[in-house]
Structure formats: structure tokens, C-alpha cells
Amino acid sequence: MKKMLSILSAVMLLVVVSPAHALDGGALYKDPKKGGCTACHGKDAKSPLLPMYPKLAGQNEAYLLQQLKDIKSGRRNNGMSAAMKGIMHMVNEQEMAAIAKYLASLKP
């Protein structure tokens, strides 16, 4: 019985940490309930609505994540980040990390 519980615990741990249960950054990027990134940055993350908006596809993952964190916290506070500041409450840090990973994986 003890061995069976040990095996069951190991299987449950694998299920919990499995990549299949990881957040889908692509789905989050496209989800209007999570800010609707595509509205300004384009469905492909390289066709922004306005030329002054950044192309996000292929950017460095750590850089993207830091920018999202800085915009949310108010540390990055310039004219270009004002629109983003209003929607950053829709995403948490894990979701920001998943979005940054997704964007970094895209071809520029």
C-alpha cells in the first residue's frame, strides 16, 4: 500500500508539472479578456496598428517580461506605455511570462 501511494504521488507530481499544463502564451496574447494584445500589436505580433507601437515577434524573452512588469508596476511610465498601463491589471506575472515566451518564439 505504501509503495502504491508513493507511485501515485509521483504520477500526480508529473501531471502537475507537465508542460501540457503550462500556460498557453499564444492564447493569452490573443485573448481579449487578457488585454487583447492583437488589437494594437497585430495578430502576428509584427503588424502593429500604429507605426509607433513595437513589433513584438522575436524580441528577447527576458526583455519582454521585464517591460511588462515595469509597465504594470508603473516603473516604465512614458507616453507609449500609458495605454498598456490601463490593461495590465488583466494579467498576472505567470501569464506575462507565458506571453513573453510565446512572443520570443515567433520569427521577427
C-alpha atoms as a PDB file:
ATOM      1  CA  MET A   1       0.000   0.000   0.000  1.00  0.00           C
ATOM      2  CA  LYS A   2       2.822   2.401   0.899  1.00  0.00           C
ATOM      3  CA  LYS A   3       4.559   1.703  -2.422  1.00  0.00           C
ATOM      4  CA  MET A   4       1.325   2.312  -4.323  1.00  0.00           C
ATOM      5  CA  LEU A   5       0.836   5.661  -2.580  1.00  0.00           C
ATOM      6  CA  SER A   6       4.400   6.606  -3.424  1.00  0.00           C
ATOM      7  CA  ILE A   7       3.852   5.763  -7.109  1.00  0.00           C
ATOM      8  CA  LEU A   8       0.551   7.617  -7.152  1.00  0.00           C
ATOM      9  CA  SER A   9       2.208  10.686  -5.618  1.00  0.00           C
ATOM     10  CA  ALA A  10       4.948  10.603  -8.259  1.00  0.00           C
ATOM     11  CA  VAL A  11       2.401  10.346 -11.085  1.00  0.00           C
ATOM     12  CA  MET A  12       0.381  13.236  -9.668  1.00  0.00           C
ATOM     13  CA  LEU A  13       3.506  15.358  -9.432  1.00  0.00           C
ATOM     14  CA  LEU A  14       4.317  14.665 -13.085  1.00  0.00           C
ATOM     15  CA  VAL A  15       0.816  15.678 -14.108  1.00  0.00           C
ATOM     16  CA  VAL A  16       1.001  18.927 -12.143  1.00  0.00           C
ATOM     17  CA  VAL A  17       4.373  19.998 -13.577  1.00  0.00           C
ATOM     18  CA  SER A  18       3.779  18.660 -17.069  1.00  0.00           C
ATOM     19  CA  PRO A  19       4.310  21.153 -19.911  1.00  0.00           C
ATOM     20  CA  ALA A  20       0.818  20.257 -21.092  1.00  0.00           C
ATOM     21  CA  HIS A  21      -0.467  22.192 -18.090  1.00  0.00           C
ATOM     22  CA  ALA A  22       1.712  25.209 -18.799  1.00  0.00           C
ATOM     23  CA  LEU A  23       0.025  28.465 -19.723  1.00  0.00           C
ATOM     24  CA  ASP A  24      -0.501  28.996 -23.452  1.00  0.00           C
ATOM     25  CA  GLY A  25       1.185  32.298 -24.223  1.00  0.00           C
ATOM     26  CA  GLY A  26      -0.245  32.415 -27.731  1.00  0.00           C
ATOM     27  CA  ALA A  27      -3.788  32.008 -26.461  1.00  0.00           C
ATOM     28  CA  LEU A  28      -3.189  34.632 -23.769  1.00  0.00           C
ATOM     29  CA  TYR A  29      -1.743  37.061 -26.341  1.00  0.00           C
ATOM     30  CA  LYS A  30      -4.898  36.716 -28.451  1.00  0.00           C
ATOM     31  CA  ASP A  31      -7.415  36.666 -25.574  1.00  0.00           C
ATOM     32  CA  PRO A  32      -9.408  39.919 -25.309  1.00  0.00           C
ATOM     33  CA  LYS A  33     -10.079  39.106 -21.635  1.00  0.00           C
ATOM     34  CA  LYS A  34      -6.320  39.304 -21.036  1.00  0.00           C
ATOM     35  CA  GLY A  35      -5.847  42.670 -22.698  1.00  0.00           C
ATOM     36  CA  GLY A  36      -6.277  41.873 -26.368  1.00  0.00           C
ATOM     37  CA  CYS A  37      -2.649  42.376 -27.378  1.00  0.00           C
ATOM     38  CA  THR A  38      -3.525  41.736 -31.034  1.00  0.00           C
ATOM     39  CA  ALA A  39      -5.627  44.916 -31.243  1.00  0.00           C
ATOM     40  CA  CYS A  40      -2.516  47.103 -31.097  1.00  0.00           C
ATOM     41  CA  HIS A  41       0.400  44.775 -31.863  1.00  0.00           C
ATOM     42  CA  GLY A  42      -1.232  42.675 -34.605  1.00  0.00           C
ATOM     43  CA  LYS A  43      -2.279  39.030 -34.747  1.00  0.00           C
ATOM     44  CA  ASP A  44       1.231  38.073 -35.827  1.00  0.00           C
ATOM     45  CA  ALA A  45       2.905  40.431 -33.290  1.00  0.00           C
ATOM     46  CA  LYS A  46       4.729  42.144 -36.153  1.00  0.00           C
ATOM     47  CA  SER A  47       1.948  44.229 -37.701  1.00  0.00           C
ATOM     48  CA  PRO A  48       1.177  46.926 -35.116  1.00  0.00           C
ATOM     49  CA  LEU A  49      -1.863  49.151 -35.522  1.00  0.00           C
ATOM     50  CA  LEU A  50       0.315  52.283 -35.496  1.00  0.00           C
ATOM     51  CA  PRO A  51       3.951  52.543 -36.598  1.00  0.00           C
ATOM     52  CA  MET A  52       4.959  53.827 -33.159  1.00  0.00           C
ATOM     53  CA  TYR A  53       3.787  50.593 -31.468  1.00  0.00           C
ATOM     54  CA  PRO A  54       6.546  47.999 -31.151  1.00  0.00           C
ATOM     55  CA  LYS A  55       6.799  44.828 -33.163  1.00  0.00           C
ATOM     56  CA  LEU A  56       6.964  42.124 -30.507  1.00  0.00           C
ATOM     57  CA  ALA A  57       7.675  38.969 -32.519  1.00  0.00           C
ATOM     58  CA  GLY A  58      11.168  37.632 -31.908  1.00  0.00           C
ATOM     59  CA  GLN A  59      12.042  40.047 -29.100  1.00  0.00           C
ATOM     60  CA  ASN A  60      14.166  38.792 -26.242  1.00  0.00           C
ATOM     61  CA  GLU A  61      12.012  36.914 -23.704  1.00  0.00           C
ATOM     62  CA  ALA A  62      13.643  38.414 -20.596  1.00  0.00           C
ATOM     63  CA  TYR A  63      13.392  41.916 -22.065  1.00  0.00           C
ATOM     64  CA  LEU A  64       9.695  41.496 -22.900  1.00  0.00           C
ATOM     65  CA  LEU A  65       8.879  40.155 -19.456  1.00  0.00           C
ATOM     66  CA  GLN A  66      10.733  42.995 -17.746  1.00  0.00           C
ATOM     67  CA  GLN A  67       8.922  45.586 -19.861  1.00  0.00           C
ATOM     68  CA  LEU A  68       5.538  44.067 -18.989  1.00  0.00           C
ATOM     69  CA  LYS A  69       6.422  44.052 -15.300  1.00  0.00           C
ATOM     70  CA  ASP A  70       7.705  47.622 -15.459  1.00  0.00           C
ATOM     71  CA  ILE A  71       4.584  48.868 -17.228  1.00  0.00           C
ATOM     72  CA  LYS A  72       2.335  47.122 -14.733  1.00  0.00           C
ATOM     73  CA  SER A  73       4.227  48.471 -11.721  1.00  0.00           C
ATOM     74  CA  GLY A  74       4.459  51.984 -13.162  1.00  0.00           C
ATOM     75  CA  ARG A  75       8.254  51.894 -13.290  1.00  0.00           C
ATOM     76  CA  ARG A  76       8.019  52.357 -17.059  1.00  0.00           C
ATOM     77  CA  ASN A  77       5.816  55.385 -17.408  1.00  0.00           C
ATOM     78  CA  ASN A  78       6.020  57.221 -20.698  1.00  0.00           C
ATOM     79  CA  GLY A  79       3.556  58.191 -23.414  1.00  0.00           C
ATOM     80  CA  MET A  80       3.881  54.850 -25.151  1.00  0.00           C
ATOM     81  CA  SER A  81       3.137  52.821 -22.040  1.00  0.00           C
ATOM     82  CA  ALA A  82       0.059  54.788 -20.945  1.00  0.00           C
ATOM     83  CA  ALA A  83      -2.362  52.659 -22.986  1.00  0.00           C
ATOM     84  CA  MET A  84      -0.797  49.442 -21.722  1.00  0.00           C
ATOM     85  CA  LYS A  85      -0.920  50.566 -18.102  1.00  0.00           C
ATOM     86  CA  GLY A  86      -4.710  50.513 -18.228  1.00  0.00           C
ATOM     87  CA  ILE A  87      -4.898  46.874 -19.260  1.00  0.00           C
ATOM     88  CA  MET A  88      -2.018  45.307 -17.345  1.00  0.00           C
ATOM     89  CA  HIS A  89      -4.292  44.529 -14.389  1.00  0.00           C
ATOM     90  CA  MET A  90      -5.756  41.751 -16.587  1.00  0.00           C
ATOM     91  CA  VAL A  91      -2.603  39.628 -16.472  1.00  0.00           C
ATOM     92  CA  ASN A  92      -0.579  38.174 -13.632  1.00  0.00           C
ATOM     93  CA  GLU A  93       3.165  37.526 -13.621  1.00  0.00           C
ATOM     94  CA  GLN A  94       2.860  33.893 -14.767  1.00  0.00           C
ATOM     95  CA  GLU A  95       0.696  34.975 -17.698  1.00  0.00           C
ATOM     96  CA  MET A  96       3.148  37.737 -18.583  1.00  0.00           C
ATOM     97  CA  ALA A  97       5.956  35.160 -18.596  1.00  0.00           C
ATOM     98  CA  ALA A  98       3.957  32.862 -20.894  1.00  0.00           C
ATOM     99  CA  ILE A  99       3.200  35.728 -23.283  1.00  0.00           C
ATOM    100  CA  ALA A 100       6.856  36.818 -23.324  1.00  0.00           C
ATOM    101  CA  LYS A 101       7.963  33.247 -24.053  1.00  0.00           C
ATOM    102  CA  TYR A 102       5.433  32.960 -26.882  1.00  0.00           C
ATOM    103  CA  LEU A 103       6.458  36.273 -28.461  1.00  0.00           C
ATOM    104  CA  ALA A 104      10.159  35.428 -28.250  1.00  0.00           C
ATOM    105  CA  SER A 105       9.485  32.156 -30.078  1.00  0.00           C
ATOM    106  CA  LEU A 106       7.985  33.946 -33.106  1.00  0.00           C
ATOM    107  CA  LYS A 107      10.030  34.826 -36.157  1.00  0.00           C
ATOM    108  CA  PRO A 108      10.524  38.589 -36.480  1.00  0.00           C
END
